[in-house]
Amino acid sequence: MIRAVDHINIVVSDLERSVRFYTELLGFKEIRRGHLEGEWVESVSGLKGVRADVVYTLPPAGGPRLELLCYVSPSGQTIPENSCANTRGLRHMALQVDDIEAEVKRLKAAGVQFIGDPVSVPTTTIAHDAGDKVLCYFLDPDGVLLELAEYR
């Protein structure tokens, strides 16, 4: 039986840039760093010659850890389609905020790229127990799709 979500992994191209983005800009807290290499990580990843650095962070109000992982070798590739909302697979992580307009303004001032402005989800489409939902998508420095969500 599954008990909880342990962590979410995001593979990044520049670890320190991503750590700054998630900690300084989004408010996550860095809790641990590590270096990964050896037979165990090659076995679990299915890759040979793995050398990678990792930083674990926590969201401000708790929840699953966010694992920022940067492969030194073998290096991966950026696939632009991964930034599109309709690409199959794990597509985005939603971050709950209290004031979406203020967050969008703050993040845009820091140069963050948004897909569109905040929109309200029609309650005729889906009603949430937490209230009416307002959301928008934006991208992290590697083009990872993220969502801001506010419930009113």
Protein backbone atom coordinates (compact mmCIF):
# COMPACT_ATOMS: atom_id res chain seq x y z
CA MET A 1 0.00 0.00 0.00
CA ILE A 2 1.36 3.44 -0.97
CA ARG A 3 1.69 5.72 2.07
CA ALA A 4 2.76 9.07 0.62
CA VAL A 5 4.67 10.90 -2.11
CA ASP A 6 8.31 10.79 -0.94
CA HIS A 7 9.85 13.24 -3.39
CA ILE A 8 9.64 14.75 -6.86
CA ASN A 9 12.76 14.69 -9.04
CA ILE A 10 13.67 17.39 -11.55
CA VAL A 11 16.78 16.87 -13.69
CA VAL A 12 18.48 20.22 -14.22
CA SER A 13 21.32 21.49 -16.41
CA ASP A 14 22.82 23.96 -13.91
CA LEU A 15 22.41 22.88 -10.30
CA GLU A 16 23.26 26.17 -8.60
CA ARG A 17 20.99 28.18 -10.94
CA SER A 18 18.11 25.81 -10.17
CA VAL A 19 18.82 25.86 -6.42
CA ARG A 20 18.65 29.67 -6.51
CA PHE A 21 15.39 29.56 -8.51
CA TYR A 22 13.64 27.11 -6.19
CA THR A 23 15.02 28.50 -2.90
CA GLU A 24 15.46 32.25 -3.37
CA LEU A 25 12.60 32.82 -5.81
CA LEU A 26 10.03 30.16 -4.88
CA GLY A 27 10.84 29.87 -1.17
CA PHE A 28 11.86 26.21 -0.92
CA LYS A 29 14.42 25.37 1.79
CA GLU A 30 17.61 23.49 0.94
CA ILE A 31 17.97 20.59 3.35
CA ARG A 32 20.68 18.30 1.95
CA ARG A 33 23.30 17.91 -0.79
CA GLY A 34 24.98 14.84 -2.17
CA HIS A 35 27.07 13.34 -4.95
CA LEU A 36 25.87 10.21 -6.69
CA GLU A 37 28.07 7.68 -8.44
CA GLY A 38 28.83 3.99 -8.40
CA GLU A 39 27.21 0.68 -9.15
CA TRP A 40 24.08 1.35 -7.08
CA VAL A 41 23.03 4.49 -9.02
CA GLU A 42 23.99 2.89 -12.35
CA SER A 43 21.79 -0.07 -11.47
CA VAL A 44 18.77 1.98 -10.42
CA SER A 45 19.04 4.45 -13.34
CA GLY A 46 19.98 1.98 -16.06
CA LEU A 47 22.85 4.31 -17.09
CA LYS A 48 26.59 3.60 -17.14
CA GLY A 49 29.21 5.95 -15.74
CA VAL A 50 26.78 8.00 -13.67
CA ARG A 51 28.19 10.99 -11.83
CA ALA A 52 25.58 13.42 -10.55
CA ASP A 53 25.05 16.06 -7.89
CA VAL A 54 21.80 16.43 -6.00
CA VAL A 55 20.16 19.02 -3.76
CA TYR A 56 17.04 18.22 -1.74
CA THR A 57 14.62 21.02 -0.93
CA LEU A 58 11.34 21.33 0.95
CA PRO A 59 8.35 23.54 0.11
CA PRO A 60 7.66 26.32 2.65
CA ALA A 61 4.58 24.62 4.18
CA GLY A 62 6.01 21.10 4.01
CA GLY A 63 5.12 18.28 1.71
CA PRO A 64 7.17 16.02 -0.51
CA ARG A 65 10.85 16.90 -1.02
CA LEU A 66 11.90 18.35 -4.34
CA GLU A 67 15.07 16.62 -5.60
CA LEU A 68 17.14 18.75 -7.99
CA LEU A 69 19.49 16.38 -9.83
CA CYS A 70 22.27 17.44 -12.20
CA TYR A 71 23.99 14.69 -14.21
CA VAL A 72 27.67 15.40 -14.84
CA SER A 73 27.80 12.18 -16.87
CA PRO A 74 26.22 10.88 -18.89
CA SER A 75 24.74 14.22 -19.81
CA GLY A 76 21.10 14.31 -20.80
CA GLN A 77 19.29 16.37 -23.36
CA THR A 78 16.62 19.04 -23.38
CA ILE A 79 13.47 18.07 -25.23
CA PRO A 80 11.41 21.22 -25.98
CA GLU A 81 8.17 19.22 -26.09
CA ASN A 82 8.55 18.55 -22.35
CA SER A 83 7.59 22.20 -21.73
CA CYS A 84 4.23 21.66 -23.47
CA ALA A 85 1.20 20.92 -21.31
CA ASN A 86 -0.02 18.10 -23.58
CA THR A 87 3.19 16.04 -23.78
CA ARG A 88 2.63 12.59 -22.29
CA GLY A 89 4.26 11.73 -19.00
CA LEU A 90 4.80 13.58 -15.75
CA ARG A 91 4.10 17.12 -16.91
CA HIS A 92 3.96 19.67 -14.11
CA MET A 93 4.07 20.35 -10.41
CA ALA A 94 1.49 22.71 -8.90
CA LEU A 95 2.49 25.18 -6.20
CA GLN A 96 -0.27 26.59 -4.00
CA VAL A 97 -0.16 30.32 -3.22
CA ASP A 98 -2.33 32.74 -1.26
CA ASP A 99 -2.24 35.63 -3.79
CA ILE A 100 -1.65 34.50 -7.36
CA GLU A 101 -1.63 38.00 -8.86
CA ALA A 102 1.10 39.13 -6.45
CA GLU A 103 3.16 36.00 -7.12
CA VAL A 104 2.87 36.39 -10.89
CA LYS A 105 3.95 40.03 -10.63
CA ARG A 106 6.90 39.13 -8.38
CA LEU A 107 8.06 36.25 -10.57
CA LYS A 108 7.67 38.22 -13.82
CA ALA A 109 9.80 41.00 -12.32
CA ALA A 110 12.48 38.35 -11.74
CA GLY A 111 12.34 37.34 -15.41
CA VAL A 112 10.30 34.15 -15.07
CA GLN A 113 8.54 33.09 -18.28
CA PHE A 114 4.77 32.55 -18.02
CA ILE A 115 2.63 30.61 -20.48
CA GLY A 116 -0.38 32.83 -19.84
CA ASP A 117 -2.12 34.98 -17.28
CA PRO A 118 -4.03 33.50 -14.32
CA VAL A 119 -7.42 32.05 -15.22
CA SER A 120 -10.36 30.84 -13.14
CA VAL A 121 -11.46 27.25 -13.54
CA PRO A 122 -15.23 27.30 -14.20
CA THR A 123 -17.04 25.59 -11.34
CA THR A 124 -19.23 23.97 -13.99
CA THR A 125 -16.08 22.19 -15.20
CA ILE A 126 -14.84 21.08 -11.79
CA ALA A 127 -15.57 22.23 -8.24
CA HIS A 128 -12.78 21.98 -5.66
CA ASP A 129 -13.39 21.45 -1.95
CA ALA A 130 -10.85 24.20 -1.18
CA GLY A 131 -12.83 26.77 -3.21
CA ASP A 132 -12.74 28.33 -6.65
CA LYS A 133 -9.42 27.66 -8.35
CA VAL A 134 -7.32 30.24 -10.19
CA LEU A 135 -4.18 28.99 -11.94
CA CYS A 136 -1.46 29.71 -14.45
CA TYR A 137 1.56 27.91 -15.88
CA PHE A 138 5.17 29.08 -15.90
CA LEU A 139 8.61 27.61 -16.63
CA ASP A 140 11.67 27.03 -14.48
CA PRO A 141 15.16 27.81 -15.89
CA ASP A 142 15.28 24.43 -17.69
CA GLY A 143 11.80 24.76 -19.19
CA VAL A 144 10.12 22.53 -16.59
CA LEU A 145 6.41 23.30 -16.54
CA LEU A 146 5.13 24.54 -13.16
CA GLU A 147 1.72 25.77 -12.01
CA LEU A 148 0.68 28.44 -9.54
CA ALA A 149 -2.68 27.63 -7.91
CA GLU A 150 -4.84 29.74 -5.62
CA TYR A 151 -8.12 28.60 -4.04
CA ARG A 152 -10.64 31.29 -3.15
